[in-house]
Amino acid sequence: MSDIAVDALDTQTALEAPSRTAIALVTLALAVGSFGIGTGEFVIMGLLPNVADTFGVTTPQAGHVISAYALGVVVGAPIIAVLAAKMARRTLLLLMMAIFAAGNISSAFAPTFESFTVLRFITGLPHGAYFGVAALVAASMVPVHRRVRAVGQVMLGLTIATLIGTPIATFLGQLLEWRAAFMMVGAIGLATMLLIALFLPKDRVEEGASITRELGALKRIQVWLSLGVAAVGFGGMFSIFSYVATTTTQVAGLGSAMVPVVLALFGIGMNVGNIVGSRLGDISIKGTIGGMMIFNIVIMTLFALTASNPIMLCLCVFLIGCGFAACPAVQTRLMDVAADAQTLAAASNHSAFNIANALGAWLGGLVISWGFTAAATGYVGAVLSVGGLAVFALSVGLERRTGRA
């Protein structure tokens, strides 16, 4: 890790030597926000038919709102990070969560499909900036050797959302109306604002912070390579996850009632991976990223070869979820290589993950359209993981060549 990056972490905010209780409360507040964002991002997938019926469109057309949200994430993260360069991080977090809460509540009252699509785009704008700034705040509160774990604790809200938040919101949306699910997510956003206001002390804008300095991250090849690891390397997870229902019913021959069980196994795997990966990352960030890329190559290939066996399908889906273990380490590495332009780099990580989502889903669908079974998405995932490993190897090689540790 560079000395500049360490200094940036040590001097950030007024959270100097906070107590364990203070750290726990701030982490809780930030994790509740990530729980809300995760729930809001994924709940629409289970409610698309309901949305389609309400607005009189087809389910595939309704799926455009998912793309609109993802586009908001990709666009919003870097733009907000740059424009808010001279804003205190506590203020920025409150602003991002206010936009998120307002976007979801407004989505619940959207009168037309067009307005609903626009509102989902707006709601996605603060997604990446929130996660990036939350990761920086969490890392700034703990010693350097515990930074990855702190970042992982914030991301734990996202992984728990896939397991608990999304199913509950989906059930609520189906029981009452889909609009109720977005009201619930909006309420979580408001609760997050309250928690942040109560537990996160006011901070000062870091000396020298500016739009120009944040844009400096774009001049650093290591920032681009780290984003490349996320955009390519994690595409495989999304390739498999996007078509896991089809794999479950058409390849493994299981009934549709087993799809939620398989999805739950993926969510459990993400939570296990996040916890374990955070601890491994504090031991070795590079080792965790490289090791997990190799792990993903093996497991995704195994998935492709054995998906017709129900037991192996369930095991592999769980282990693929565990591949999330590299995420906290990638987020932290981005903060390191960005030096004094951490906000833009940290926020852009989630833009990269949404690119991975789009890339993985597109390539997986392409292979299926060629006549292969959904199990072949495992091979797509393995190839993308090889690509991510290659980008990471290039990053480490350049780093050693230039003499950076």
Protein backbone atom coordinates (compact mmCIF):
# COMPACT_ATOMS: atom_id res chain seq x y z
CA MET A 1 0.00 0.00 0.00
CA SER A 2 1.35 3.45 -0.87
CA ASP A 3 2.26 5.99 1.79
CA ILE A 4 -0.08 8.52 0.17
CA ALA A 5 -3.02 6.13 0.45
CA VAL A 6 -2.24 5.45 4.11
CA ASP A 7 -2.04 9.17 4.83
CA ALA A 8 -5.34 9.76 3.07
CA LEU A 9 -7.01 7.15 5.22
CA ASP A 10 -5.42 8.35 8.44
CA THR A 11 -6.34 11.99 7.96
CA GLN A 12 -9.88 11.47 6.68
CA THR A 13 -12.76 12.81 8.79
CA ALA A 14 -12.97 13.53 12.46
CA LEU A 15 -13.27 9.86 13.30
CA GLU A 16 -9.92 9.77 15.04
CA ALA A 17 -9.39 6.83 17.37
CA PRO A 18 -13.11 6.10 17.80
CA SER A 19 -14.25 3.62 20.42
CA ARG A 20 -15.34 0.12 19.48
CA THR A 21 -18.93 1.07 20.21
CA ALA A 22 -18.71 4.13 17.96
CA ILE A 23 -17.20 2.03 15.16
CA ALA A 24 -19.93 -0.59 15.54
CA LEU A 25 -22.71 1.99 15.40
CA VAL A 26 -21.29 3.75 12.34
CA THR A 27 -20.76 0.40 10.61
CA LEU A 28 -24.32 -0.59 11.43
CA ALA A 29 -25.64 2.65 9.93
CA LEU A 30 -23.63 2.18 6.75
CA ALA A 31 -24.58 -1.51 6.48
CA VAL A 32 -28.28 -0.69 6.80
CA GLY A 33 -27.85 1.60 3.81
CA SER A 34 -26.17 -1.13 1.77
CA PHE A 35 -28.98 -3.50 2.85
CA GLY A 36 -31.54 -1.06 1.50
CA ILE A 37 -29.68 -0.55 -1.76
CA GLY A 38 -29.24 -4.29 -2.27
CA THR A 39 -32.91 -4.94 -1.56
CA GLY A 40 -34.01 -2.17 -3.91
CA GLU A 41 -31.73 -3.32 -6.72
CA PHE A 42 -32.83 -6.96 -6.75
CA VAL A 43 -36.48 -6.87 -5.65
CA ILE A 44 -37.67 -5.73 -9.08
CA MET A 45 -36.53 -9.02 -10.60
CA GLY A 46 -39.21 -10.93 -8.71
CA LEU A 47 -41.91 -8.33 -9.38
CA LEU A 48 -41.50 -7.79 -13.13
CA PRO A 49 -44.73 -9.63 -14.05
CA ASN A 50 -46.65 -7.48 -11.55
CA VAL A 51 -45.13 -4.28 -12.92
CA ALA A 52 -45.89 -5.41 -16.47
CA ASP A 53 -49.54 -6.04 -15.61
CA THR A 54 -49.92 -2.65 -13.95
CA PHE A 55 -48.54 -0.68 -16.88
CA GLY A 56 -49.84 -2.91 -19.66
CA VAL A 57 -46.45 -3.89 -21.08
CA THR A 58 -44.79 -7.24 -21.67
CA THR A 59 -42.47 -8.74 -19.05
CA PRO A 60 -39.41 -8.29 -21.32
CA GLN A 61 -40.36 -4.64 -21.77
CA ALA A 62 -40.73 -4.30 -18.01
CA GLY A 63 -37.19 -5.64 -17.75
CA HIS A 64 -35.96 -2.35 -19.21
CA VAL A 65 -36.32 -0.82 -15.75
CA ILE A 66 -33.53 -3.12 -14.54
CA SER A 67 -31.29 -1.81 -17.29
CA ALA A 68 -32.31 1.76 -16.42
CA TYR A 69 -31.24 1.27 -12.80
CA ALA A 70 -27.94 -0.32 -13.83
CA LEU A 71 -27.28 2.57 -16.22
CA GLY A 72 -27.93 4.98 -13.36
CA VAL A 73 -25.31 3.18 -11.27
CA VAL A 74 -22.71 3.23 -14.04
CA VAL A 75 -23.29 6.90 -14.85
CA GLY A 76 -23.92 8.21 -11.37
CA ALA A 77 -20.95 6.79 -9.48
CA PRO A 78 -18.12 8.65 -11.25
CA ILE A 79 -20.10 11.85 -11.87
CA ILE A 80 -21.25 12.23 -8.27
CA ALA A 81 -17.82 11.32 -6.91
CA VAL A 82 -16.21 14.07 -8.97
CA LEU A 83 -18.84 16.77 -8.43
CA ALA A 84 -18.91 16.08 -4.67
CA ALA A 85 -15.12 16.18 -4.30
CA LYS A 86 -15.27 19.14 -1.91
CA MET A 87 -18.21 17.84 0.10
CA ALA A 88 -17.81 16.33 3.57
CA ARG A 89 -18.33 12.57 3.47
CA ARG A 90 -21.08 12.57 6.11
CA THR A 91 -23.00 15.17 4.13
CA LEU A 92 -22.49 13.22 0.91
CA LEU A 93 -23.74 9.98 2.47
CA LEU A 94 -26.87 11.73 3.73
CA LEU A 95 -27.46 13.28 0.31
CA MET A 96 -27.01 9.97 -1.50
CA MET A 97 -29.40 8.19 0.82
CA ALA A 98 -31.93 11.02 0.50
CA ILE A 99 -31.91 10.61 -3.30
CA PHE A 100 -32.18 6.84 -2.93
CA ALA A 101 -35.12 7.06 -0.49
CA ALA A 102 -36.92 9.69 -2.57
CA GLY A 103 -36.35 7.69 -5.76
CA ASN A 104 -37.87 4.53 -4.32
CA ILE A 105 -40.84 6.26 -2.72
CA SER A 106 -41.48 8.15 -5.96
CA SER A 107 -41.20 4.86 -7.88
CA ALA A 108 -44.05 3.51 -5.76
CA PHE A 109 -46.29 6.32 -7.04
CA ALA A 110 -45.16 6.36 -10.68
CA PRO A 111 -48.25 6.93 -12.86
CA THR A 112 -46.79 5.58 -16.13
CA PHE A 113 -44.22 3.02 -17.24
CA GLU A 114 -42.07 5.79 -18.74
CA SER A 115 -41.99 7.74 -15.49
CA PHE A 116 -41.26 4.55 -13.55
CA THR A 117 -38.29 3.81 -15.82
CA VAL A 118 -36.91 7.32 -15.39
CA LEU A 119 -37.31 7.10 -11.62
CA ARG A 120 -35.43 3.79 -11.51
CA PHE A 121 -32.57 5.45 -13.42
CA ILE A 122 -32.51 8.33 -10.92
CA THR A 123 -32.65 5.91 -8.00
CA GLY A 124 -29.57 4.10 -9.33
CA LEU A 125 -27.47 7.27 -9.50
CA PRO A 126 -26.33 7.32 -5.83
CA HIS A 127 -25.72 3.55 -5.64
CA GLY A 128 -21.99 3.47 -6.45
CA ALA A 129 -21.15 6.74 -4.72
CA TYR A 130 -22.79 5.55 -1.51
CA PHE A 131 -20.91 2.25 -1.45
CA GLY A 132 -17.61 3.93 -2.34
CA VAL A 133 -17.83 6.64 0.32
CA ALA A 134 -19.19 4.19 2.91
CA ALA A 135 -16.18 1.93 2.28
CA LEU A 136 -13.79 4.87 2.72
CA VAL A 137 -15.44 5.93 5.97
CA ALA A 138 -15.41 2.38 7.35
CA ALA A 139 -11.74 1.89 6.44
CA SER A 140 -10.77 5.23 7.99
CA MET A 141 -12.05 4.17 11.41
CA VAL A 142 -9.86 1.11 11.88
CA PRO A 143 -6.15 0.23 11.78
CA VAL A 144 -4.66 -0.45 8.36
CA HIS A 145 -4.52 -4.21 8.97
CA ARG A 146 -8.30 -4.33 9.49
CA ARG A 147 -9.44 -2.23 6.54
CA VAL A 148 -10.71 -5.06 4.34
CA ARG A 149 -12.77 -6.46 7.19
CA ALA A 150 -14.32 -3.02 7.77
CA VAL A 151 -15.20 -2.73 4.09
CA GLY A 152 -16.65 -6.24 4.18
CA GLN A 153 -18.86 -5.34 7.13
CA VAL A 154 -20.41 -2.53 5.10
CA MET A 155 -20.91 -4.89 2.15
CA LEU A 156 -22.49 -7.43 4.50
CA GLY A 157 -25.67 -5.38 4.26
CA LEU A 158 -25.70 -6.03 0.49
CA THR A 159 -25.15 -9.77 0.82
CA ILE A 160 -27.78 -10.09 3.57
CA ALA A 161 -30.19 -8.25 1.28
CA THR A 162 -29.90 -11.03 -1.30
CA LEU A 163 -30.80 -13.58 1.35
CA ILE A 164 -33.38 -11.77 3.47
CA GLY A 165 -34.25 -8.30 2.23
CA THR A 166 -35.16 -9.16 -1.34
CA PRO A 167 -37.35 -12.19 -0.50
CA ILE A 168 -39.25 -10.20 2.16
CA ALA A 169 -39.76 -7.20 -0.12
CA THR A 170 -40.82 -9.50 -2.96
CA PHE A 171 -43.33 -11.28 -0.72
CA LEU A 172 -44.69 -7.93 0.47
CA GLY A 173 -44.98 -6.73 -3.12
CA GLN A 174 -46.84 -9.86 -4.18
CA LEU A 175 -49.09 -9.91 -1.10
CA LEU A 176 -50.15 -6.27 -1.32
CA GLU A 177 -48.91 -4.64 -4.52
CA TRP A 178 -45.49 -4.20 -6.07
CA ARG A 179 -45.57 -0.53 -5.07
CA ALA A 180 -45.46 -1.59 -1.40
CA ALA A 181 -42.03 -3.16 -1.94
CA PHE A 182 -40.58 0.16 -3.08
CA MET A 183 -42.21 1.94 -0.16
CA MET A 184 -40.44 -0.53 2.12
CA VAL A 185 -37.08 0.13 0.45
CA GLY A 186 -37.67 3.89 0.67
CA ALA A 187 -38.35 3.50 4.40
CA ILE A 188 -35.03 1.68 4.82
CA GLY A 189 -33.35 4.62 3.10
CA LEU A 190 -34.96 7.09 5.52
CA ALA A 191 -33.92 4.90 8.47
CA THR A 192 -30.36 4.92 7.16
CA MET A 193 -30.36 8.71 7.03
CA LEU A 194 -31.44 8.83 10.65
CA LEU A 195 -28.76 6.35 11.74
CA ILE A 196 -26.02 8.20 9.86
CA ALA A 197 -27.15 11.53 11.32
CA LEU A 198 -27.10 10.04 14.82
CA PHE A 199 -23.92 7.98 14.78
CA LEU A 200 -21.52 9.39 12.18
CA PRO A 201 -19.73 12.50 13.55
CA LYS A 202 -19.44 15.58 11.38
CA ASP A 203 -16.23 15.69 9.37
CA ARG A 204 -14.24 18.30 7.51
CA VAL A 205 -13.44 18.30 3.83
CA GLU A 206 -9.96 16.89 3.37
CA GLU A 207 -7.34 19.55 2.68
CA GLY A 208 -6.58 19.80 -1.02
CA ALA A 209 -9.75 18.02 -2.10
CA SER A 210 -10.91 19.13 -5.52
CA ILE A 211 -12.51 17.97 -8.74
CA THR A 212 -9.13 18.06 -10.44
CA ARG A 213 -7.58 15.81 -7.82
CA GLU A 214 -10.38 13.26 -8.08
CA LEU A 215 -10.08 13.24 -11.86
CA GLY A 216 -6.43 12.39 -11.32
CA ALA A 217 -7.55 8.83 -10.61
CA LEU A 218 -8.30 8.45 -14.30
CA LYS A 219 -4.60 8.98 -15.09
CA ARG A 220 -3.53 6.00 -12.98
CA ILE A 221 -3.24 2.76 -14.93
CA GLN A 222 -3.61 0.73 -11.74
CA VAL A 223 -7.05 2.22 -11.13
CA TRP A 224 -8.18 1.16 -14.60
CA LEU A 225 -6.69 -2.31 -14.20
CA SER A 226 -8.38 -2.80 -10.82
CA LEU A 227 -11.69 -1.72 -12.33
CA GLY A 228 -11.00 -4.16 -15.16
CA VAL A 229 -10.62 -7.00 -12.66
CA ALA A 230 -14.10 -6.22 -11.34
CA ALA A 231 -15.74 -5.63 -14.72
CA VAL A 232 -14.36 -8.80 -16.33
CA GLY A 233 -13.51 -11.12 -13.45
CA PHE A 234 -16.92 -10.98 -11.79
CA GLY A 235 -18.89 -11.23 -15.02
CA GLY A 236 -18.83 -15.00 -14.63
CA MET A 237 -20.80 -14.90 -11.41
CA PHE A 238 -23.54 -12.89 -13.09
CA SER A 239 -23.47 -15.08 -16.18
CA ILE A 240 -24.37 -18.11 -14.09
CA PHE A 241 -26.70 -16.32 -11.66
CA SER A 242 -28.76 -14.73 -14.44
CA TYR A 243 -29.78 -18.15 -15.79
CA VAL A 244 -29.59 -20.28 -12.65
CA ALA A 245 -33.38 -20.76 -12.62
CA THR A 246 -33.22 -22.19 -16.13
CA THR A 247 -30.31 -24.42 -15.16
CA THR A 248 -32.22 -25.67 -12.13
CA THR A 249 -35.37 -26.65 -14.02
CA GLN A 250 -34.15 -27.55 -17.50
CA VAL A 251 -30.70 -29.02 -16.82
CA ALA A 252 -30.96 -30.48 -13.31
CA GLY A 253 -34.61 -31.43 -13.86
CA LEU A 254 -35.80 -29.97 -10.55
CA GLY A 255 -39.23 -28.46 -10.03
CA SER A 256 -39.76 -24.71 -10.03
CA ALA A 257 -40.29 -24.87 -6.26
CA MET A 258 -36.56 -25.59 -5.91
CA VAL A 259 -35.52 -22.35 -7.63
CA PRO A 260 -35.90 -20.23 -4.46
CA VAL A 261 -33.86 -22.83 -2.56
CA VAL A 262 -31.04 -22.66 -5.10
CA LEU A 263 -31.16 -18.87 -5.04
CA ALA A 264 -30.98 -18.96 -1.25
CA LEU A 265 -27.87 -21.16 -1.47
CA PHE A 266 -26.28 -18.53 -3.70
CA GLY A 267 -27.16 -15.85 -1.14
CA ILE A 268 -25.74 -17.90 1.73
CA GLY A 269 -22.57 -18.39 -0.28
CA MET A 270 -22.25 -14.63 -0.83
CA ASN A 271 -22.51 -14.00 2.90
CA VAL A 272 -19.98 -16.71 3.75
CA GLY A 273 -17.64 -15.42 1.04
CA ASN A 274 -17.92 -11.84 2.25
CA ILE A 275 -17.07 -12.77 5.84
CA VAL A 276 -14.23 -15.15 5.00
CA GLY A 277 -12.87 -13.01 2.18
CA SER A 278 -12.73 -9.93 4.41
CA ARG A 279 -10.50 -11.74 6.85
CA LEU A 280 -8.33 -13.21 4.11
CA GLY A 281 -8.01 -9.76 2.57
CA ASP A 282 -6.57 -8.33 5.77
CA ILE A 283 -3.88 -11.00 5.52
CA SER A 284 -3.18 -10.45 1.82
CA ILE A 285 -5.24 -8.32 -0.55
CA LYS A 286 -3.42 -9.51 -3.65
CA GLY A 287 -3.44 -13.13 -2.53
CA THR A 288 -7.17 -13.01 -1.90
CA ILE A 289 -7.98 -11.49 -5.30
CA GLY A 290 -5.72 -13.83 -7.26
CA GLY A 291 -6.69 -16.88 -5.22
CA MET A 292 -10.40 -16.26 -5.62
CA MET A 293 -10.07 -15.81 -9.38
CA ILE A 294 -8.45 -19.25 -9.58
CA PHE A 295 -11.13 -20.62 -7.25
CA ASN A 296 -13.84 -19.24 -9.54
CA ILE A 297 -12.26 -20.79 -12.64
CA VAL A 298 -12.30 -24.24 -11.02
CA ILE A 299 -15.79 -24.02 -9.50
CA MET A 300 -17.45 -22.54 -12.59
CA THR A 301 -15.95 -25.23 -14.79
CA LEU A 302 -17.18 -27.84 -12.32
CA PHE A 303 -20.64 -26.23 -12.47
CA ALA A 304 -20.72 -26.60 -16.26
CA LEU A 305 -19.68 -30.26 -16.05
CA THR A 306 -21.99 -31.36 -13.22
CA ALA A 307 -25.06 -29.09 -13.28
CA SER A 308 -27.28 -31.98 -14.37
CA ASN A 309 -26.73 -33.53 -10.93
CA PRO A 310 -29.01 -31.78 -8.40
CA ILE A 311 -26.60 -32.23 -5.50
CA MET A 312 -23.63 -30.90 -7.45
CA LEU A 313 -25.75 -28.04 -8.78
CA CYS A 314 -26.61 -26.93 -5.25
CA LEU A 315 -23.02 -27.31 -4.05
CA CYS A 316 -21.57 -25.39 -6.99
CA VAL A 317 -24.12 -22.57 -6.74
CA PHE A 318 -23.22 -22.14 -3.06
CA LEU A 319 -19.50 -22.09 -3.89
CA ILE A 320 -20.02 -19.65 -6.77
CA GLY A 321 -21.72 -17.35 -4.28
CA CYS A 322 -18.64 -17.71 -2.09
CA GLY A 323 -16.69 -16.12 -4.95
CA PHE A 324 -17.94 -12.79 -3.58
CA ALA A 325 -15.00 -13.18 -1.18
CA ALA A 326 -12.81 -11.15 -3.53
CA CYS A 327 -15.11 -8.11 -3.57
CA PRO A 328 -13.98 -6.41 -0.33
CA ALA A 329 -10.35 -6.94 -1.36
CA VAL A 330 -10.93 -5.42 -4.82
CA GLN A 331 -12.68 -2.44 -3.23
CA THR A 332 -9.79 -1.89 -0.84
CA ARG A 333 -7.14 -2.30 -3.54
CA LEU A 334 -8.88 0.40 -5.56
CA MET A 335 -8.66 2.72 -2.56
CA ASP A 336 -4.95 1.95 -2.30
CA VAL A 337 -3.96 2.44 -5.92
CA ALA A 338 -6.04 5.62 -6.22
CA ALA A 339 -3.76 7.38 -3.72
CA ASP A 340 -5.29 10.84 -3.09
CA ALA A 341 -8.23 10.37 -5.50
CA GLN A 342 -9.99 7.64 -3.57
CA THR A 343 -13.60 8.76 -3.79
CA LEU A 344 -13.83 8.48 -7.57
CA ALA A 345 -12.02 5.14 -7.64
CA ALA A 346 -14.00 3.63 -4.77
CA ALA A 347 -17.34 4.75 -6.22
CA SER A 348 -16.46 3.54 -9.72
CA ASN A 349 -15.99 0.00 -8.42
CA HIS A 350 -19.75 -0.44 -8.41
CA SER A 351 -19.99 0.89 -11.93
CA ALA A 352 -17.53 -1.87 -12.85
CA PHE A 353 -19.68 -4.48 -11.10
CA ASN A 354 -22.74 -3.38 -13.03
CA ILE A 355 -20.73 -3.68 -16.24
CA ALA A 356 -19.82 -7.20 -15.10
CA ASN A 357 -23.52 -7.87 -14.56
CA ALA A 358 -24.42 -6.73 -18.07
CA LEU A 359 -21.46 -8.49 -19.69
CA GLY A 360 -22.05 -11.77 -17.91
CA ALA A 361 -25.79 -11.85 -18.59
CA TRP A 362 -25.26 -10.95 -22.26
CA LEU A 363 -22.58 -13.56 -22.89
CA GLY A 364 -24.52 -16.21 -21.00
CA GLY A 365 -27.63 -15.51 -23.05
CA LEU A 366 -25.58 -15.53 -26.24
CA VAL A 367 -24.23 -19.02 -25.53
CA ILE A 368 -27.73 -20.31 -24.76
CA SER A 369 -29.05 -18.76 -27.99
CA TRP A 370 -26.40 -20.77 -29.87
CA GLY A 371 -28.12 -23.95 -28.70
CA PHE A 372 -26.09 -24.86 -25.63
CA THR A 373 -27.80 -25.67 -22.34
CA ALA A 374 -27.84 -23.17 -19.47
CA ALA A 375 -25.07 -25.19 -17.82
CA ALA A 376 -22.70 -23.75 -20.45
CA THR A 377 -22.88 -20.44 -18.60
CA GLY A 378 -20.36 -22.08 -16.29
CA TYR A 379 -17.83 -22.16 -19.12
CA VAL A 380 -18.62 -18.50 -19.85
CA GLY A 381 -17.96 -17.74 -16.20
CA ALA A 382 -14.69 -19.65 -16.20
CA VAL A 383 -13.46 -17.78 -19.29
CA LEU A 384 -14.37 -14.42 -17.78
CA SER A 385 -12.60 -15.40 -14.56
CA VAL A 386 -9.49 -16.26 -16.60
CA GLY A 387 -9.79 -12.79 -18.13
CA GLY A 388 -10.05 -11.21 -14.70
CA LEU A 389 -7.03 -13.18 -13.50
CA ALA A 390 -5.04 -12.05 -16.55
CA VAL A 391 -5.90 -8.39 -15.88
CA PHE A 392 -4.92 -8.80 -12.24
CA ALA A 393 -1.64 -10.48 -13.16
CA LEU A 394 -0.88 -7.56 -15.48
CA SER A 395 -1.66 -5.14 -12.65
CA VAL A 396 0.65 -6.89 -10.21
CA GLY A 397 3.38 -7.24 -12.84
CA LEU A 398 3.33 -3.51 -13.64
CA GLU A 399 3.31 -2.68 -9.96
CA ARG A 400 6.43 -4.74 -9.34
CA ARG A 401 8.14 -3.30 -12.38
CA THR A 402 7.61 0.25 -11.13
CA GLY A 403 8.79 -0.69 -7.65
CA ARG A 404 5.52 -0.19 -5.80
CA ALA A 405 4.75 -2.60 -2.97
